[in-house]
């Protein structure tokens, strides 16, 4: 079975969809934890900044993959 056949059967599309959905949830949770940490501490540190940037990146990468897998 070739890669083209796997994509046409939809098996890889389903996997990519759920992987992307998981990435979106992870990114959303990371940004939410960063926001909560900033509210309780009153100041953002380097860790929170990195968490915000990486969480946003993972979320948007998941959005891109999800949109790509559904088309």
PDB file of N, CA and C in Angstrom:
ATOM      1  N   UNK A   1       0.850  -1.177   0.000  1.00  0.00           N
ATOM      2  CA  UNK A   1       0.000   0.000   0.000  1.00  0.00           C
ATOM      3  C   UNK A   1       0.894   1.238   0.000  1.00  0.00           C
ATOM      4  N   UNK A   2       0.652   2.122  -0.916  1.00  0.00           N
ATOM      5  CA  UNK A   2       1.458   3.329  -1.017  1.00  0.00           C
ATOM      6  C   UNK A   2       0.896   4.429  -0.115  1.00  0.00           C
ATOM      7  N   UNK A   3       1.685   5.459   0.041  1.00  0.00           N
ATOM      8  CA  UNK A   3       1.251   6.590   0.862  1.00  0.00           C
ATOM      9  C   UNK A   3       0.028   7.263   0.255  1.00  0.00           C
ATOM     10  N   UNK A   4       0.000   7.332  -1.057  1.00  0.00           N
ATOM     11  CA  UNK A   4      -1.136   7.960  -1.732  1.00  0.00           C
ATOM     12  C   UNK A   4      -2.433   7.204  -1.444  1.00  0.00           C
ATOM     13  N   UNK A   5      -2.367   5.876  -1.415  1.00  0.00           N
ATOM     14  CA  UNK A   5      -3.557   5.070  -1.122  1.00  0.00           C
ATOM     15  C   UNK A   5      -4.016   5.272   0.317  1.00  0.00           C
ATOM     16  N   UNK A   6      -3.077   5.383   1.238  1.00  0.00           N
ATOM     17  CA  UNK A   6      -3.432   5.591   2.648  1.00  0.00           C
ATOM     18  C   UNK A   6      -4.164   6.913   2.807  1.00  0.00           C
ATOM     19  N   UNK A   7      -3.670   7.975   2.170  1.00  0.00           N
ATOM     20  CA  UNK A   7      -4.327   9.264   2.263  1.00  0.00           C
ATOM     21  C   UNK A   7      -5.709   9.239   1.609  1.00  0.00           C
ATOM     22  N   UNK A   8      -5.857   8.503   0.514  1.00  0.00           N
ATOM     23  CA  UNK A   8      -7.152   8.449  -0.159  1.00  0.00           C
ATOM     24  C   UNK A   8      -8.178   7.657   0.638  1.00  0.00           C
ATOM     25  N   UNK A   9      -7.719   6.681   1.392  1.00  0.00           N
ATOM     26  CA  UNK A   9      -8.650   5.900   2.208  1.00  0.00           C
ATOM     27  C   UNK A   9      -9.096   6.660   3.449  1.00  0.00           C
ATOM     28  N   UNK A  10      -8.393   7.711   3.794  1.00  0.00           N
ATOM     29  CA  UNK A  10      -8.806   8.539   4.915  1.00  0.00           C
ATOM     30  C   UNK A  10      -8.227   8.140   6.255  1.00  0.00           C
ATOM     31  N   UNK A  11      -7.415   7.087   6.289  1.00  0.00           N
ATOM     32  CA  UNK A  11      -6.853   6.651   7.575  1.00  0.00           C
ATOM     33  C   UNK A  11      -5.884   7.681   8.124  1.00  0.00           C
ATOM     34  N   UNK A  12      -5.016   8.175   7.269  1.00  0.00           N
ATOM     35  CA  UNK A  12      -4.050   9.148   7.723  1.00  0.00           C
ATOM     36  C   UNK A  12      -4.722  10.493   7.985  1.00  0.00           C
ATOM     37  N   UNK A  13      -5.759  10.815   7.249  1.00  0.00           N
ATOM     38  CA  UNK A  13      -6.472  12.055   7.482  1.00  0.00           C
ATOM     39  C   UNK A  13      -7.121  12.086   8.853  1.00  0.00           C
ATOM     40  N   UNK A  14      -7.665  10.956   9.277  1.00  0.00           N
ATOM     41  CA  UNK A  14      -8.281  10.863  10.606  1.00  0.00           C
ATOM     42  C   UNK A  14      -7.219  10.994  11.688  1.00  0.00           C
ATOM     43  N   UNK A  15      -6.082  10.310  11.501  1.00  0.00           N
ATOM     44  CA  UNK A  15      -4.991  10.403  12.474  1.00  0.00           C
ATOM     45  C   UNK A  15      -4.486  11.840  12.584  1.00  0.00           C
ATOM     46  N   UNK A  16      -4.279  12.478  11.438  1.00  0.00           N
ATOM     47  CA  UNK A  16      -3.791  13.855  11.426  1.00  0.00           C
ATOM     48  C   UNK A  16      -4.792  14.789  12.088  1.00  0.00           C
ATOM     49  N   UNK A  17      -6.070  14.563  11.859  1.00  0.00           N
ATOM     50  CA  UNK A  17      -7.100  15.396  12.468  1.00  0.00           C
ATOM     51  C   UNK A  17      -7.034  15.322  13.992  1.00  0.00           C
ATOM     52  N   UNK A  18      -6.963  14.109  14.537  1.00  0.00           N
ATOM     53  CA  UNK A  18      -6.944  13.960  15.996  1.00  0.00           C
ATOM     54  C   UNK A  18      -5.612  14.409  16.597  1.00  0.00           C
ATOM     55  N   UNK A  19      -4.517  14.222  15.866  1.00  0.00           N
ATOM     56  CA  UNK A  19      -3.230  14.732  16.330  1.00  0.00           C
ATOM     57  C   UNK A  19      -3.270  16.250  16.405  1.00  0.00           C
ATOM     58  N   UNK A  20      -3.827  16.882  15.368  1.00  0.00           N
ATOM     59  CA  UNK A  20      -3.934  18.334  15.343  1.00  0.00           C
ATOM     60  C   UNK A  20      -4.866  18.836  16.441  1.00  0.00           C
ATOM     61  N   UNK A  21      -5.952  18.133  16.685  1.00  0.00           N
ATOM     62  CA  UNK A  21      -6.864  18.516  17.756  1.00  0.00           C
ATOM     63  C   UNK A  21      -6.172  18.438  19.112  1.00  0.00           C
ATOM     64  N   UNK A  22      -5.381  17.399  19.317  1.00  0.00           N
ATOM     65  CA  UNK A  22      -4.603  17.280  20.553  1.00  0.00           C
ATOM     66  C   UNK A  22      -3.588  18.398  20.702  1.00  0.00           C
ATOM     67  N   UNK A  23      -2.969  18.783  19.595  1.00  0.00           N
ATOM     68  CA  UNK A  23      -2.017  19.890  19.632  1.00  0.00           C
ATOM     69  C   UNK A  23      -2.718  21.196  19.987  1.00  0.00           C
ATOM     70  N   UNK A  24      -3.914  21.395  19.450  1.00  0.00           N
ATOM     71  CA  UNK A  24      -4.670  22.606  19.774  1.00  0.00           C
ATOM     72  C   UNK A  24      -5.033  22.633  21.257  1.00  0.00           C
ATOM     73  N   UNK A  25      -5.477  21.509  21.792  1.00  0.00           N
ATOM     74  CA  UNK A  25      -5.834  21.455  23.215  1.00  0.00           C
ATOM     75  C   UNK A  25      -4.619  21.690  24.102  1.00  0.00           C
ATOM     76  N   UNK A  26      -3.485  21.091  23.724  1.00  0.00           N
ATOM     77  CA  UNK A  26      -2.255  21.293  24.493  1.00  0.00           C
ATOM     78  C   UNK A  26      -1.839  22.759  24.464  1.00  0.00           C
ATOM     79  N   UNK A  27      -1.871  23.376  23.289  1.00  0.00           N
ATOM     80  CA  UNK A  27      -1.492  24.780  23.168  1.00  0.00           C
ATOM     81  C   UNK A  27      -2.418  25.693  23.948  1.00  0.00           C
ATOM     82  N   UNK A  28      -3.719  25.405  23.878  1.00  0.00           N
ATOM     83  CA  UNK A  28      -4.699  26.199  24.620  1.00  0.00           C
ATOM     84  C   UNK A  28      -4.474  26.079  26.125  1.00  0.00           C
ATOM     85  N   UNK A  29      -4.187  24.858  26.591  1.00  0.00           N
ATOM     86  CA  UNK A  29      -3.933  24.649  28.022  1.00  0.00           C
ATOM     87  C   UNK A  29      -2.651  25.347  28.459  1.00  0.00           C
ATOM     88  N   UNK A  30      -1.617  25.315  27.633  1.00  0.00           N
ATOM     89  CA  UNK A  30      -0.352  25.973  27.986  1.00  0.00           C
ATOM     90  C   UNK A  30      -0.531  27.477  28.102  1.00  0.00           C
ATOM     91  N   UNK A  31      -1.260  28.066  27.177  1.00  0.00           N
ATOM     92  CA  UNK A  31      -1.502  29.502  27.237  1.00  0.00           C
ATOM     93  C   UNK A  31      -2.389  29.847  28.436  1.00  0.00           C
ATOM     94  N   UNK A  32      -3.370  29.001  28.729  1.00  0.00           N
ATOM     95  CA  UNK A  32      -4.231  29.216  29.893  1.00  0.00           C
ATOM     96  C   UNK A  32      -3.465  29.156  31.194  1.00  0.00           C
ATOM     97  N   UNK A  33      -2.554  28.191  31.311  1.00  0.00           N
ATOM     98  CA  UNK A  33      -1.730  28.105  32.522  1.00  0.00           C
ATOM     99  C   UNK A  33      -0.811  29.312  32.655  1.00  0.00           C
ATOM    100  N   UNK A  34      -0.302  29.782  31.522  1.00  0.00           N
ATOM    101  CA  UNK A  34       0.544  30.979  31.541  1.00  0.00           C
ATOM    102  C   UNK A  34      -0.255  32.183  32.014  1.00  0.00           C
ATOM    103  N   UNK A  35      -1.453  32.322  31.517  1.00  0.00           N
ATOM    104  CA  UNK A  35      -2.318  33.435  31.922  1.00  0.00           C
ATOM    105  C   UNK A  35      -2.641  33.353  33.416  1.00  0.00           C
ATOM    106  N   UNK A  36      -2.994  32.167  33.891  1.00  0.00           N
ATOM    107  CA  UNK A  36      -3.308  31.980  35.309  1.00  0.00           C
ATOM    108  C   UNK A  36      -2.102  32.296  36.180  1.00  0.00           C
ATOM    109  N   UNK A  37      -0.921  31.842  35.750  1.00  0.00           N
ATOM    110  CA  UNK A  37       0.298  32.100  36.509  1.00  0.00           C
ATOM    111  C   UNK A  37       0.606  33.594  36.556  1.00  0.00           C
ATOM    112  N   UNK A  38       0.384  34.279  35.453  1.00  0.00           N
ATOM    113  CA  UNK A  38       0.631  35.721  35.420  1.00  0.00           C
ATOM    114  C   UNK A  38      -0.333  36.501  36.284  1.00  0.00           C
ATOM    115  N   UNK A  39      -1.577  36.028  36.341  1.00  0.00           N
ATOM    116  CA  UNK A  39      -2.574  36.720  37.162  1.00  0.00           C
ATOM    117  C   UNK A  39      -2.264  36.532  38.649  1.00  0.00           C
ATOM    118  N   UNK A  40      -1.898  35.317  39.049  1.00  0.00           N
ATOM    119  CA  UNK A  40      -1.654  35.059  40.476  1.00  0.00           C
ATOM    120  C   UNK A  40      -0.349  35.675  40.960  1.00  0.00           C
ATOM    121  N   UNK A  41       0.693  35.695  40.112  1.00  0.00           N
ATOM    122  CA  UNK A  41       1.984  36.240  40.535  1.00  0.00           C
ATOM    123  C   UNK A  41       2.085  37.735  40.271  1.00  0.00           C
ATOM    124  N   UNK A  42       1.326  38.237  39.333  1.00  0.00           N
ATOM    125  CA  UNK A  42       1.352  39.654  39.033  1.00  0.00           C
ATOM    126  C   UNK A  42       2.443  40.072  38.064  1.00  0.00           C
ATOM    127  N   UNK A  43       3.313  39.150  37.664  1.00  0.00           N
ATOM    128  CA  UNK A  43       4.378  39.481  36.729  1.00  0.00           C
ATOM    129  C   UNK A  43       4.732  38.222  35.946  1.00  0.00           C
ATOM    130  N   UNK A  44       5.088  38.425  34.688  1.00  0.00           N
ATOM    131  CA  UNK A  44       5.477  37.294  33.846  1.00  0.00           C
ATOM    132  C   UNK A  44       6.991  37.155  33.847  1.00  0.00           C
ATOM    133  N   UNK A  45       7.452  35.930  34.074  1.00  0.00           N
ATOM    134  CA  UNK A  45       8.879  35.649  34.017  1.00  0.00           C
ATOM    135  C   UNK A  45       9.257  35.074  32.665  1.00  0.00           C
ATOM    136  N   UNK A  46      10.505  34.651  32.562  1.00  0.00           N
ATOM    137  CA  UNK A  46      10.978  34.073  31.301  1.00  0.00           C
ATOM    138  C   UNK A  46      10.270  32.756  30.994  1.00  0.00           C
ATOM    139  N   UNK A  47       9.989  31.970  32.010  1.00  0.00           N
ATOM    140  CA  UNK A  47       9.310  30.690  31.814  1.00  0.00           C
ATOM    141  C   UNK A  47       7.902  30.897  31.270  1.00  0.00           C
ATOM    142  N   UNK A  48       7.191  31.853  31.831  1.00  0.00           N
ATOM    143  CA  UNK A  48       5.833  32.124  31.351  1.00  0.00           C
ATOM    144  C   UNK A  48       5.835  32.656  29.919  1.00  0.00           C
ATOM    145  N   UNK A  49       6.827  33.497  29.601  1.00  0.00           N
ATOM    146  CA  UNK A  49       6.938  34.019  28.245  1.00  0.00           C
ATOM    147  C   UNK A  49       7.211  32.898  27.243  1.00  0.00           C
ATOM    148  N   UNK A  50       8.124  32.002  27.585  1.00  0.00           N
ATOM    149  CA  UNK A  50       8.418  30.860  26.713  1.00  0.00           C
ATOM    150  C   UNK A  50       7.196  29.952  26.582  1.00  0.00           C
ATOM    151  N   UNK A  51       6.492  29.755  27.668  1.00  0.00           N
ATOM    152  CA  UNK A  51       5.284  28.925  27.659  1.00  0.00           C
ATOM    153  C   UNK A  51       4.208  29.556  26.780  1.00  0.00           C
ATOM    154  N   UNK A  52       4.071  30.859  26.840  1.00  0.00           N
ATOM    155  CA  UNK A  52       3.094  31.561  26.011  1.00  0.00           C
ATOM    156  C   UNK A  52       3.433  31.433  24.530  1.00  0.00           C
ATOM    157  N   UNK A  53       4.680  31.648  24.189  1.00  0.00           N
ATOM    158  CA  UNK A  53       5.095  31.579  22.790  1.00  0.00           C
ATOM    159  C   UNK A  53       4.987  30.161  22.252  1.00  0.00           C
ATOM    160  N   UNK A  54       5.484  29.185  22.993  1.00  0.00           N
ATOM    161  CA  UNK A  54       5.423  27.795  22.526  1.00  0.00           C
ATOM    162  C   UNK A  54       3.990  27.264  22.488  1.00  0.00           C
ATOM    163  N   UNK A  55       3.190  27.645  23.468  1.00  0.00           N
ATOM    164  CA  UNK A  55       1.796  27.225  23.476  1.00  0.00           C
ATOM    165  C   UNK A  55       1.032  27.781  22.292  1.00  0.00           C
ATOM    166  N   UNK A  56       1.289  29.042  21.979  1.00  0.00           N
ATOM    167  CA  UNK A  56       0.643  29.656  20.817  1.00  0.00           C
ATOM    168  C   UNK A  56       1.101  29.000  19.529  1.00  0.00           C
ATOM    169  N   UNK A  57       2.389  28.717  19.439  1.00  0.00           N
ATOM    170  CA  UNK A  57       2.936  28.066  18.252  1.00  0.00           C
ATOM    171  C   UNK A  57       2.335  26.676  18.047  1.00  0.00           C
ATOM    172  N   UNK A  58       2.234  25.903  19.113  1.00  0.00           N
ATOM    173  CA  UNK A  58       1.649  24.557  19.018  1.00  0.00           C
ATOM    174  C   UNK A  58       0.175  24.642  18.640  1.00  0.00           C
ATOM    175  N   UNK A  59      -0.543  25.607  19.217  1.00  0.00           N
ATOM    176  CA  UNK A  59      -1.957  25.769  18.897  1.00  0.00           C
ATOM    177  C   UNK A  59      -2.156  26.087  17.414  1.00  0.00           C
ATOM    178  N   UNK A  60      -1.398  27.048  16.903  1.00  0.00           N
ATOM    179  CA  UNK A  60      -1.574  27.437  15.511  1.00  0.00           C
ATOM    180  C   UNK A  60      -1.059  26.378  14.539  1.00  0.00           C
ATOM    181  N   UNK A  61      -0.033  25.644  14.925  1.00  0.00           N
ATOM    182  CA  UNK A  61       0.420  24.529  14.095  1.00  0.00           C
ATOM    183  C   UNK A  61      -0.650  23.438  14.039  1.00  0.00           C
ATOM    184  N   UNK A  62      -1.299  23.179  15.166  1.00  0.00           N
ATOM    185  CA  UNK A  62      -2.414  22.234  15.194  1.00  0.00           C
ATOM    186  C   UNK A  62      -3.576  22.710  14.348  1.00  0.00           C
ATOM    187  N   UNK A  63      -3.862  24.006  14.367  1.00  0.00           N
ATOM    188  CA  UNK A  63      -4.927  24.557  13.524  1.00  0.00           C
ATOM    189  C   UNK A  63      -4.609  24.366  12.045  1.00  0.00           C
ATOM    190  N   UNK A  64      -3.355  24.604  11.685  1.00  0.00           N
ATOM    191  CA  UNK A  64      -2.947  24.431  10.300  1.00  0.00           C
ATOM    192  C   UNK A  64      -3.086  22.977   9.862  1.00  0.00           C
ATOM    193  N   UNK A  65      -2.632  22.051  10.698  1.00  0.00           N
ATOM    194  CA  UNK A  65      -2.725  20.631  10.357  1.00  0.00           C
ATOM    195  C   UNK A  65      -4.181  20.164  10.273  1.00  0.00           C
ATOM    196  N   UNK A  66      -5.001  20.657  11.183  1.00  0.00           N
ATOM    197  CA  UNK A  66      -6.409  20.265  11.181  1.00  0.00           C
ATOM    198  C   UNK A  66      -7.114  20.752   9.925  1.00  0.00           C
ATOM    199  N   UNK A  67      -6.856  21.979   9.533  1.00  0.00           N
ATOM    200  CA  UNK A  67      -7.453  22.502   8.310  1.00  0.00           C
ATOM    201  C   UNK A  67      -6.926  21.767   7.079  1.00  0.00           C
ATOM    202  N   UNK A  68      -5.669  21.409   7.104  1.00  0.00           N
ATOM    203  CA  UNK A  68      -5.069  20.690   5.973  1.00  0.00           C
ATOM    204  C   UNK A  68      -5.601  19.276   5.861  1.00  0.00           C
ATOM    205  N   UNK A  69      -5.860  18.628   6.992  1.00  0.00           N
ATOM    206  CA  UNK A  69      -6.327  17.240   6.952  1.00  0.00           C
ATOM    207  C   UNK A  69      -7.791  17.139   6.550  1.00  0.00           C
ATOM    208  N   UNK A  70      -8.559  18.193   6.781  1.00  0.00           N
ATOM    209  CA  UNK A  70      -9.990  18.120   6.452  1.00  0.00           C
ATOM    210  C   UNK A  70     -10.266  18.468   4.995  1.00  0.00           C
ATOM    211  N   UNK A  71      -9.294  19.040   4.297  1.00  0.00           N
ATOM    212  CA  UNK A  71      -9.535  19.384   2.886  1.00  0.00           C
ATOM    213  C   UNK A  71      -9.086  18.286   1.953  1.00  0.00           C
TER     214      UNK A  71
END
